């Protein structure tokens, strides 16, 4: 008796310790709603952050394209070291001179006169000048050891074949496309968070149900033990209940593990450490209040709300603009150019070792003439790509119409299933009550009670699944219709 008392005290102490730990854990756990989980997921999701950076990148590309309308300023500078000087002549140059002849009114060469003949003197058939102009080699040699130069150039596009306008349209559409892709990511994240949230709620309800089922079998087990001791039940009856109790405990363990893992998944989707304990606002509710919301399907409105359709429409417009970009390669291109350039040595003033500057203004024109069909084929290829995108858009609309109708039927079917499970649960509760009363009064068998308990467990489990299915099917319908609110 003393040993039994000690064991009872130890068991009671451990039980109180577990209760206190559980209370402390629940007190420290954070109670969050579905909207709170959504906000945390949107704030911490890496894919959404990447999509936001994609919007930022598209904004910079749009500004880059807009800058093509404005004049471009470029500065070019260079330096070269040369090992030798440059001479314009090989050796000193002696050039003949002329004098003005009053009689003829023209300039005549100054030549040596032969005193014997009085005619200009010739040596080896060449006249001999009497005076010369000396051009020394040293005067025509320039120091170009250190050659420096630079230019400040301004280029203003005038007509680029429509390429600049098309590129600005493309970057503007690309920015809108990046926003639509981000919103699509947001909807996917919210849908996944909602699925994880309701999974936790579902498993918590099944955990509560499993515990109730264990308690139900334990009470039956105690009743059967008393009946065995009184001789109104057999040992086989006791073993049958024990088997059911063991199965119920195993199922409870599986549900406990499922709850833990589903909480980890939800925490990970919310961007929190997986061991974060969150108490969900809906996990203690017996009824989730599933109702059948009226649904009106307007496919034109659905197409206007779906981010993927809007993305494909924007992509089609982008490819139409790419056709214009390809066509611009066949057009003339005109630009105005102005430049301020300087060199050292001064090429404008005798190659003196100092900087000399000059200003120039002009225009450039580039006109493609013949490229063996390369440019025209490039335009045709761009048109084909645009046609492919239009076909993708049409195909997506057809698939979305089927998807919306399937989601609508699934939602209505889920609600009908939910109503049926409620009726089944009411019947299972009544059958279990009748089976228990009949067994206690000796009018029913133990198998009848176990069968009723199993049916009761199944009915409750199906009702929980049906409630969650109504929530998720409605969420999926809103998603495919583009009416998801967050």
Protein backbone atom coordinates (compact mmCIF):
# COMPACT_ATOMS: atom_id res chain seq x y z
CA UNK A 1 0.00 0.00 0.00
CA UNK A 2 2.86 2.39 0.85
CA UNK A 3 4.53 1.62 -2.47
CA UNK A 4 1.31 2.36 -4.34
CA UNK A 5 0.95 5.65 -2.45
CA UNK A 6 4.50 6.71 -3.37
CA UNK A 7 3.92 5.84 -7.03
CA UNK A 8 0.70 7.83 -6.98
CA UNK A 9 2.49 10.88 -5.52
CA UNK A 10 5.25 10.66 -8.15
CA UNK A 11 2.73 10.36 -10.97
CA UNK A 12 0.74 13.29 -9.61
CA UNK A 13 3.92 15.41 -9.31
CA UNK A 14 4.92 14.66 -12.89
CA UNK A 15 1.42 15.41 -14.10
CA UNK A 16 1.39 18.79 -12.32
CA UNK A 17 4.84 19.58 -13.78
CA UNK A 18 3.61 18.81 -17.30
CA UNK A 19 0.51 20.95 -16.79
CA UNK A 20 2.60 23.89 -15.55
CA UNK A 21 5.02 23.59 -18.47
CA UNK A 22 2.13 23.47 -20.90
CA UNK A 23 0.53 26.55 -19.34
CA UNK A 24 3.85 28.40 -19.49
CA UNK A 25 4.33 27.40 -23.13
CA UNK A 26 0.86 28.56 -24.07
CA UNK A 27 1.36 31.81 -22.19
CA UNK A 28 4.61 32.52 -24.04
CA UNK A 29 3.21 31.45 -27.41
CA UNK A 30 2.12 34.19 -29.76
CA UNK A 31 -1.52 34.17 -30.84
CA UNK A 32 -1.69 35.14 -34.49
CA UNK A 33 -4.50 35.49 -36.99
CA UNK A 34 -4.55 34.53 -40.65
CA UNK A 35 -3.93 38.15 -41.66
CA UNK A 36 -0.91 38.31 -39.33
CA UNK A 37 0.58 35.23 -40.99
CA UNK A 38 -0.01 36.77 -44.39
CA UNK A 39 1.70 40.02 -43.44
CA UNK A 40 4.70 38.22 -41.99
CA UNK A 41 5.03 36.05 -45.10
CA UNK A 42 4.79 39.03 -47.44
CA UNK A 43 7.36 40.92 -45.40
CA UNK A 44 9.89 38.09 -45.19
CA UNK A 45 9.42 36.08 -48.38
CA UNK A 46 12.60 36.03 -50.48
CA UNK A 47 10.81 35.55 -53.81
CA UNK A 48 8.72 38.67 -53.22
CA UNK A 49 11.86 40.59 -52.29
CA UNK A 50 13.44 39.42 -55.55
CA UNK A 51 10.35 40.53 -57.46
CA UNK A 52 10.54 43.95 -55.77
CA UNK A 53 14.15 44.25 -56.88
CA UNK A 54 12.97 43.34 -60.38
CA UNK A 55 10.62 46.35 -60.28
CA UNK A 56 13.49 48.56 -59.15
CA UNK A 57 15.67 47.22 -61.99
CA UNK A 58 12.91 47.87 -64.54
CA UNK A 59 12.61 51.44 -63.25
CA UNK A 60 16.33 52.05 -63.82
CA UNK A 61 16.08 50.57 -67.32
CA UNK A 62 13.16 52.89 -68.09
CA UNK A 63 15.24 55.90 -67.02
CA UNK A 64 18.14 54.60 -69.10
CA UNK A 65 15.93 54.43 -72.18
CA UNK A 66 14.55 57.94 -71.55
CA UNK A 67 18.11 59.31 -71.44
CA UNK A 68 18.54 58.36 -75.13
CA UNK A 69 16.39 61.38 -76.08
CA UNK A 70 18.95 63.77 -74.56
CA UNK A 71 22.37 64.83 -75.91
CA UNK A 72 25.29 62.64 -74.90
CA UNK A 73 28.52 64.21 -73.59
CA UNK A 74 31.73 62.21 -73.90
CA UNK A 75 35.28 63.07 -72.93
CA UNK A 76 38.14 61.26 -74.64
CA UNK A 77 41.80 61.70 -73.70
CA UNK A 78 45.02 59.92 -74.63
CA UNK A 79 48.78 59.97 -74.19
CA UNK A 80 51.50 58.39 -76.36
CA UNK A 81 55.27 58.36 -75.82
CA UNK A 82 57.34 58.25 -79.03
CA UNK A 83 61.00 57.29 -79.01
CA UNK A 84 61.98 59.47 -82.00
CA UNK A 85 61.31 62.91 -83.37
CA UNK A 86 59.57 63.46 -86.70
CA UNK A 87 61.33 65.29 -89.59
CA UNK A 88 59.43 66.38 -92.68
CA UNK A 89 62.59 66.29 -94.86
CA UNK A 90 65.47 63.91 -95.16
CA UNK A 91 68.20 66.63 -95.36
CA UNK A 92 68.63 70.41 -95.76
CA UNK A 93 66.66 71.72 -98.75
CA UNK A 94 68.01 74.43 -101.20
CA UNK A 95 65.26 76.02 -103.24
CA UNK A 96 65.81 78.35 -106.23
CA UNK A 97 64.53 81.94 -105.97
CA UNK A 98 62.83 84.30 -108.42
CA UNK A 99 63.02 88.05 -109.14
CA UNK A 100 60.44 90.31 -110.76
CA UNK A 101 61.14 91.21 -114.39
CA UNK A 102 59.91 94.73 -115.22
CA UNK A 103 60.02 94.09 -118.91
CA UNK A 104 57.92 90.92 -118.91
CA UNK A 105 55.89 91.69 -115.80
CA UNK A 106 56.56 88.18 -114.43
CA UNK A 107 58.86 86.45 -111.99
CA UNK A 108 61.98 84.81 -113.47
CA UNK A 109 64.37 82.41 -111.80
CA UNK A 110 67.67 83.93 -110.64
CA UNK A 111 70.19 81.99 -112.74
CA UNK A 112 73.97 82.15 -113.28
CA UNK A 113 74.79 83.86 -116.65
CA UNK A 114 77.63 82.40 -118.74
CA UNK A 115 79.89 85.41 -119.55
CA UNK A 116 80.99 83.80 -122.77
CA UNK A 117 77.57 83.33 -124.22
CA UNK A 118 75.44 85.65 -122.10
CA UNK A 119 72.97 82.77 -121.64
CA UNK A 120 72.03 80.96 -118.39
CA UNK A 121 74.71 78.48 -117.39
CA UNK A 122 73.79 74.76 -117.54
CA UNK A 123 75.62 71.94 -115.77
CA UNK A 124 74.65 68.40 -116.73
CA UNK A 125 71.63 69.82 -118.51
CA UNK A 126 70.40 71.66 -115.37
CA UNK A 127 70.30 75.44 -114.90
CA UNK A 128 72.41 76.74 -112.04
CA UNK A 129 70.55 79.17 -109.73
CA UNK A 130 72.47 82.25 -108.67
CA UNK A 131 70.65 82.50 -105.33
CA UNK A 132 68.91 79.85 -103.18
CA UNK A 133 66.51 79.67 -100.19
CA UNK A 134 67.86 77.32 -97.55
CA UNK A 135 65.36 75.13 -95.64
CA UNK A 136 67.38 73.43 -92.91
CA UNK A 137 66.33 69.95 -91.73
CA UNK A 138 66.51 71.10 -88.12
CA UNK A 139 63.76 73.64 -88.82
CA UNK A 140 61.43 70.92 -90.10
CA UNK A 141 62.06 68.46 -87.25
CA UNK A 142 59.45 68.30 -84.43
CA UNK A 143 59.60 66.93 -80.91
CA UNK A 144 56.75 64.42 -80.53
CA UNK A 145 58.21 62.36 -77.69
CA UNK A 146 55.15 63.22 -75.53
CA UNK A 147 52.00 63.29 -77.60
CA UNK A 148 48.76 64.22 -75.78
CA UNK A 149 45.27 64.82 -77.05
CA UNK A 150 41.66 64.99 -75.96
CA UNK A 151 38.16 65.75 -77.19
CA UNK A 152 34.86 66.76 -75.57
CA UNK A 153 32.10 65.47 -77.85
CA UNK A 154 28.37 66.22 -77.81
CA UNK A 155 26.03 63.94 -79.80
CA UNK A 156 22.34 64.71 -80.20
CA UNK A 157 20.20 61.99 -81.85
CA UNK A 158 17.76 63.49 -84.33
CA UNK A 159 16.20 60.44 -85.95
CA UNK A 160 17.10 56.83 -85.07
CA UNK A 161 14.47 55.06 -87.11
CA UNK A 162 11.99 54.98 -84.21
CA UNK A 163 14.28 52.84 -82.05
CA UNK A 164 14.45 55.26 -79.11
CA UNK A 165 10.67 55.62 -78.90
CA UNK A 166 10.19 51.84 -79.12
CA UNK A 167 12.80 51.19 -76.42
CA UNK A 168 11.07 53.66 -74.10
CA UNK A 169 7.77 51.86 -74.70
CA UNK A 170 9.43 48.51 -74.00
CA UNK A 171 10.99 49.64 -70.71
CA UNK A 172 7.72 51.20 -69.56
CA UNK A 173 5.85 47.98 -70.33
CA UNK A 174 8.63 45.96 -68.67
CA UNK A 175 8.16 47.95 -65.48
CA UNK A 176 4.43 47.22 -65.51
CA UNK A 177 5.22 43.57 -66.22
CA UNK A 178 7.55 43.43 -63.20
CA UNK A 179 4.74 44.77 -61.00
CA UNK A 180 2.30 42.17 -62.31
CA UNK A 181 4.83 39.39 -61.71
CA UNK A 182 5.33 40.60 -58.14
CA UNK A 183 1.57 40.60 -57.52
CA UNK A 184 1.38 37.08 -58.92
CA UNK A 185 4.12 36.02 -56.48
CA UNK A 186 2.19 37.70 -53.66
CA UNK A 187 -0.95 35.71 -54.47
CA UNK A 188 1.02 32.45 -54.60
CA UNK A 189 2.63 33.18 -51.22
CA UNK A 190 -0.71 34.08 -49.63
CA UNK A 191 -2.35 30.95 -50.99
CA UNK A 192 0.49 28.78 -49.63
CA UNK A 193 0.34 30.51 -46.25
CA UNK A 194 -3.44 30.05 -46.08
CA UNK A 195 -3.06 26.37 -46.96
CA UNK A 196 -0.44 25.92 -44.21
CA UNK A 197 -2.57 27.91 -41.74
CA UNK A 198 -5.70 25.84 -42.30
CA UNK A 199 -3.60 22.67 -42.27
CA UNK A 200 -2.50 23.55 -38.74
CA UNK A 201 -6.10 24.33 -37.78
CA UNK A 202 -7.26 21.03 -39.26
CA UNK A 203 -4.59 18.97 -37.51
CA UNK A 204 -5.20 20.76 -34.20
CA UNK A 205 -8.88 19.89 -34.49
CA UNK A 206 -7.98 16.29 -35.29
CA UNK A 207 -5.54 16.30 -32.37
CA UNK A 208 -8.36 17.37 -30.08
CA UNK A 209 -10.58 14.73 -31.68
CA UNK A 210 -7.91 12.05 -31.23
CA UNK A 211 -7.56 12.91 -27.55
CA UNK A 212 -11.32 12.76 -27.14
CA UNK A 213 -11.34 9.41 -28.89
CA UNK A 214 -8.60 8.12 -26.58
CA UNK A 215 -10.56 9.35 -23.54
CA UNK A 216 -13.69 7.71 -24.93
CA UNK A 217 -11.95 4.34 -25.31
CA UNK A 218 -10.26 4.70 -21.93
CA UNK A 219 -13.67 5.12 -20.26
CA UNK A 220 -14.91 2.09 -22.16
CA UNK A 221 -11.76 0.23 -21.12
CA UNK A 222 -12.43 1.03 -17.46
CA UNK A 223 -16.07 -0.06 -17.80
CA UNK A 224 -15.04 -3.34 -19.44
CA UNK A 225 -12.48 -4.01 -16.68
CA UNK A 226 -15.21 -3.58 -14.07
CA UNK A 227 -17.49 -5.86 -16.06
CA UNK A 228 -14.74 -8.50 -16.37
CA UNK A 229 -14.21 -8.37 -12.61
CA UNK A 230 -17.96 -8.78 -12.14
CA UNK A 231 -18.04 -11.64 -14.62
CA UNK A 232 -20.37 -10.04 -17.14
CA UNK A 233 -17.64 -9.57 -19.77
CA UNK A 234 -14.92 -11.80 -21.07
CA UNK A 235 -11.16 -11.43 -21.28
CA UNK A 236 -11.53 -11.33 -25.07
CA UNK A 237 -13.69 -8.24 -24.71
CA UNK A 238 -10.95 -6.65 -22.62
CA UNK A 239 -8.28 -7.47 -25.23
CA UNK A 240 -10.42 -6.05 -28.05
CA UNK A 241 -10.75 -2.74 -26.19
CA UNK A 242 -7.01 -2.72 -25.39
CA UNK A 243 -6.20 -3.14 -29.08
CA UNK A 244 -8.47 -0.22 -29.96
CA UNK A 245 -6.85 1.88 -27.21
CA UNK A 246 -3.36 1.14 -28.52
CA UNK A 247 -4.43 2.03 -32.05
CA UNK A 248 -5.95 5.29 -30.80
CA UNK A 249 -2.73 6.21 -28.96
CA UNK A 250 -0.67 5.50 -32.09
CA UNK A 251 -3.01 7.69 -34.14
CA UNK A 252 -2.72 10.41 -31.49
CA UNK A 253 1.07 10.27 -31.73
CA UNK A 254 0.90 10.63 -35.50
CA UNK A 255 -1.44 13.60 -35.18
CA UNK A 256 0.86 15.21 -32.57
CA UNK A 257 3.80 14.88 -34.96
CA UNK A 258 1.72 16.22 -37.81
CA UNK A 259 0.76 19.29 -35.76
CA UNK A 260 4.40 19.96 -34.90
CA UNK A 261 5.56 19.64 -38.50
CA UNK A 262 2.71 21.75 -39.86
CA UNK A 263 3.52 24.50 -37.34
CA UNK A 264 7.13 24.39 -38.54
CA UNK A 265 6.02 24.75 -42.15
CA UNK A 266 3.80 27.71 -41.30
CA UNK A 267 6.61 29.39 -39.35
CA UNK A 268 8.99 28.88 -42.29
CA UNK A 269 6.49 30.40 -44.73
CA UNK A 270 6.08 33.37 -42.38
CA UNK A 271 9.83 33.90 -42.37
CA UNK A 272 10.25 32.89 -38.73
CA UNK A 273 12.51 30.25 -37.16
CA UNK A 274 10.93 26.82 -37.57
CA UNK A 275 10.85 26.28 -33.81
CA UNK A 276 8.71 29.38 -33.28
CA UNK A 277 5.55 28.52 -31.33
CA UNK A 278 2.49 30.29 -32.72
CA UNK A 279 -1.01 29.76 -31.39
CA UNK A 280 -3.49 30.31 -34.22
CA UNK A 281 -6.64 32.27 -33.57
CA UNK A 282 -8.81 29.65 -35.33
CA UNK A 283 -7.31 26.47 -33.95
CA UNK A 284 -9.60 26.30 -30.92
CA UNK A 285 -12.87 26.87 -32.75
CA UNK A 286 -15.36 24.02 -32.95
CA UNK A 287 -17.07 25.56 -35.98
CA UNK A 288 -15.40 27.63 -38.70
CA UNK A 289 -18.69 28.94 -39.98
CA UNK A 290 -18.48 27.60 -43.52
CA UNK A 291 -21.06 29.22 -45.78
CA UNK A 292 -21.73 29.07 -49.50
CA UNK A 293 -20.91 32.52 -50.90
CA UNK A 294 -22.64 33.42 -54.17
CA UNK A 295 -20.30 33.39 -57.15
CA UNK A 296 -20.88 35.20 -60.42
CA UNK A 297 -18.41 34.33 -63.16
CA UNK A 298 -17.69 37.05 -65.73
CA UNK A 299 -14.75 35.84 -67.80
CA UNK A 300 -13.99 39.28 -69.20
CA UNK A 301 -13.71 40.56 -65.65
CA UNK A 302 -11.64 37.53 -64.68
CA UNK A 303 -9.23 38.19 -67.54
CA UNK A 304 -8.90 41.78 -66.38
CA UNK A 305 -8.16 40.69 -62.79
CA UNK A 306 -5.73 37.85 -63.47
CA UNK A 307 -2.11 38.95 -63.14
CA UNK A 308 -0.84 36.23 -65.46
CA UNK A 309 -3.19 37.37 -68.24
CA UNK A 310 -2.15 40.98 -67.75
CA UNK A 311 1.47 39.82 -67.83
CA UNK A 312 0.92 38.03 -71.15
CA UNK A 313 -0.84 41.09 -72.57
CA UNK A 314 2.10 43.27 -71.57
CA UNK A 315 4.52 40.72 -73.01
CA UNK A 316 2.61 40.80 -76.31
CA UNK A 317 2.90 44.59 -76.42
CA UNK A 318 6.62 44.34 -75.65
CA UNK A 319 7.16 41.98 -78.56
CA UNK A 320 5.19 44.33 -80.84
CA UNK A 321 7.62 47.07 -79.87
CA UNK A 322 10.54 44.72 -80.54
CA UNK A 323 9.28 44.49 -84.13
CA UNK A 324 9.66 48.28 -84.34
CA UNK A 325 13.17 48.02 -82.89
CA UNK A 326 14.11 45.47 -85.55
CA UNK A 327 12.55 47.65 -88.27
CA UNK A 328 14.58 50.65 -87.08
CA UNK A 329 17.74 48.86 -88.24
CA UNK A 330 16.48 49.36 -91.82
CA UNK A 331 15.86 53.09 -91.34
CA UNK A 332 18.31 56.01 -91.76
CA UNK A 333 19.87 57.40 -88.61
CA UNK A 334 20.69 61.09 -88.26
CA UNK A 335 22.56 62.76 -85.41
CA UNK A 336 24.18 66.16 -84.81
CA UNK A 337 27.74 66.18 -83.48
CA UNK A 338 29.82 68.95 -81.89
CA UNK A 339 33.32 68.55 -80.48
CA UNK A 340 36.02 70.56 -78.72
CA UNK A 341 39.40 68.90 -79.28
CA UNK A 342 42.94 69.76 -78.22
CA UNK A 343 46.41 68.34 -78.95
CA UNK A 344 49.90 68.73 -77.57
CA UNK A 345 52.13 69.37 -79.56
CA UNK A 346 49.91 72.04 -81.06
CA UNK A 347 48.99 70.69 -84.50
CA UNK A 348 47.36 74.03 -85.37
CA UNK A 349 50.47 76.17 -84.77
CA UNK A 350 53.74 74.60 -85.92
CA UNK A 351 53.66 71.61 -83.57
CA UNK A 352 54.81 73.78 -80.67
CA UNK A 353 54.97 71.92 -77.35
CA UNK A 354 51.80 73.39 -75.89
CA UNK A 355 48.09 72.64 -76.13
CA UNK A 356 46.14 73.88 -79.12
CA UNK A 357 42.32 73.65 -79.24
CA UNK A 358 39.64 73.87 -81.90
CA UNK A 359 35.87 73.51 -82.19
CA UNK A 360 33.92 71.59 -84.82
CA UNK A 361 30.23 71.03 -85.60
CA UNK A 362 28.70 68.50 -87.98
CA UNK A 363 26.12 65.82 -88.61
CA UNK A 364 26.25 62.08 -89.27
CA UNK A 365 23.90 60.08 -91.44
CA UNK A 366 23.85 56.31 -91.65
CA UNK A 367 21.66 54.69 -94.28
CA UNK A 368 21.56 50.88 -94.66
CA UNK A 369 21.66 49.92 -98.34
CA UNK A 370 22.04 46.19 -98.86
CA UNK A 371 22.49 43.44 -96.27
CA UNK A 372 21.41 40.42 -98.30
CA UNK A 373 18.05 40.22 -96.56
CA UNK A 374 19.55 40.06 -93.06
CA UNK A 375 17.65 43.06 -91.70
CA UNK A 376 14.30 42.14 -93.28
CA UNK A 377 14.55 38.59 -91.96
CA UNK A 378 15.27 40.01 -88.52
CA UNK A 379 12.00 41.96 -88.70
CA UNK A 380 10.10 38.86 -89.82
CA UNK A 381 11.53 36.85 -86.92
CA UNK A 382 10.40 39.55 -84.47
CA UNK A 383 6.89 39.43 -85.95
CA UNK A 384 6.77 35.65 -85.51
CA UNK A 385 7.76 36.04 -81.84
CA UNK A 386 4.95 38.56 -81.37
CA UNK A 387 2.48 36.14 -82.99
CA UNK A 388 3.67 33.37 -80.65
CA UNK A 389 2.94 35.57 -77.64
CA UNK A 390 -0.56 36.28 -78.94
CA UNK A 391 -1.20 32.56 -79.31
CA UNK A 392 0.08 32.01 -75.75
CA UNK A 393 -2.36 34.66 -74.53
CA UNK A 394 -5.30 33.05 -76.32
CA UNK A 395 -4.32 29.61 -75.03
CA UNK A 396 -4.00 30.94 -71.47
CA UNK A 397 -7.49 32.47 -71.63
CA UNK A 398 -8.99 29.15 -72.74
CA UNK A 399 -7.26 27.28 -69.93
CA UNK A 400 -8.25 29.88 -67.35
CA UNK A 401 -11.91 29.62 -68.35
CA UNK A 402 -11.76 25.87 -67.72
CA UNK A 403 -9.82 26.43 -64.49
CA UNK A 404 -12.40 28.90 -63.14
CA UNK A 405 -15.33 26.61 -63.90
CA UNK A 406 -13.55 23.65 -62.29
CA UNK A 407 -12.80 25.74 -59.19
CA UNK A 408 -16.44 26.86 -58.99
CA UNK A 409 -17.72 23.27 -59.18
CA UNK A 410 -15.14 22.17 -56.64
CA UNK A 411 -16.27 24.91 -54.23
CA UNK A 412 -19.94 23.97 -54.54
CA UNK A 413 -19.09 20.28 -54.17
CA UNK A 414 -16.99 21.01 -51.05
CA UNK A 415 -19.89 22.86 -49.43
CA UNK A 416 -22.33 20.06 -50.22
CA UNK A 417 -19.87 17.58 -48.75
CA UNK A 418 -19.61 19.75 -45.63
CA UNK A 419 -23.38 19.77 -45.18
CA UNK A 420 -23.46 15.99 -45.62
CA UNK A 421 -20.71 15.47 -43.03
CA UNK A 422 -22.64 17.58 -40.51
CA UNK A 423 -25.67 15.33 -40.99
CA UNK A 424 -23.46 12.24 -40.75
CA UNK A 425 -21.89 13.54 -37.52
CA UNK A 426 -25.29 14.13 -35.93
CA UNK A 427 -26.27 10.58 -36.84
CA UNK A 428 -22.95 9.19 -35.57
CA UNK A 429 -23.40 10.98 -32.23
CA UNK A 430 -26.85 9.51 -31.84
CA UNK A 431 -25.68 6.02 -32.83
CA UNK A 432 -22.85 6.20 -30.31
CA UNK A 433 -25.24 7.31 -27.57
CA UNK A 434 -27.65 4.46 -28.36
CA UNK A 435 -24.81 1.90 -28.54
CA UNK A 436 -23.44 3.00 -25.13
CA UNK A 437 -26.89 2.88 -23.52
CA UNK A 438 -27.63 -0.50 -25.05
CA UNK A 439 -24.26 -1.90 -23.93
CA UNK A 440 -24.71 -0.68 -20.35
CA UNK A 441 -28.24 -2.12 -20.27
CA UNK A 442 -27.00 -5.43 -21.66
CA UNK A 443 -28.97 -5.01 -24.86
CA UNK A 444 -25.96 -4.47 -27.13
CA UNK A 445 -22.55 -5.97 -27.68
CA UNK A 446 -19.07 -4.52 -27.25
CA UNK A 447 -18.56 -4.74 -31.01
CA UNK A 448 -21.54 -2.46 -31.48
CA UNK A 449 -19.94 0.15 -29.19
CA UNK A 450 -16.53 -0.10 -30.89
CA UNK A 451 -18.17 0.17 -34.30
CA UNK A 452 -20.15 3.22 -33.20
CA UNK A 453 -17.02 4.82 -31.76
CA UNK A 454 -15.12 4.22 -35.00
CA UNK A 455 -18.00 5.69 -37.01
CA UNK A 456 -18.09 8.68 -34.63
CA UNK A 457 -14.35 9.25 -35.11
CA UNK A 458 -14.68 8.99 -38.88
CA UNK A 459 -17.64 11.37 -38.98
CA UNK A 460 -15.83 13.99 -36.92
CA UNK A 461 -12.69 13.65 -39.02
CA UNK A 462 -14.64 13.98 -42.27
CA UNK A 463 -16.42 17.07 -40.93
CA UNK A 464 -13.08 18.70 -40.10
CA UNK A 465 -11.72 17.87 -43.55
CA UNK A 466 -14.88 19.20 -45.19
CA UNK A 467 -14.69 22.49 -43.26
CA UNK A 468 -11.08 23.05 -44.29
CA UNK A 469 -11.87 22.00 -47.87
CA UNK A 470 -14.61 24.65 -48.04
CA UNK A 471 -12.13 27.29 -46.84
CA UNK A 472 -9.40 26.25 -49.30
CA UNK A 473 -11.72 25.70 -52.27
CA UNK A 474 -13.15 29.19 -51.76
CA UNK A 475 -9.61 30.56 -51.46
CA UNK A 476 -8.61 28.76 -54.67
CA UNK A 477 -11.70 30.07 -56.48
CA UNK A 478 -10.83 33.64 -55.46
CA UNK A 479 -7.27 33.05 -56.65
CA UNK A 480 -8.19 31.77 -60.11
CA UNK A 481 -10.79 34.55 -60.50
CA UNK A 482 -8.25 37.19 -59.49
CA UNK A 483 -10.45 38.44 -56.62
CA UNK A 484 -8.21 37.33 -53.76
CA UNK A 485 -8.23 40.02 -51.06
CA UNK A 486 -5.19 40.65 -48.89
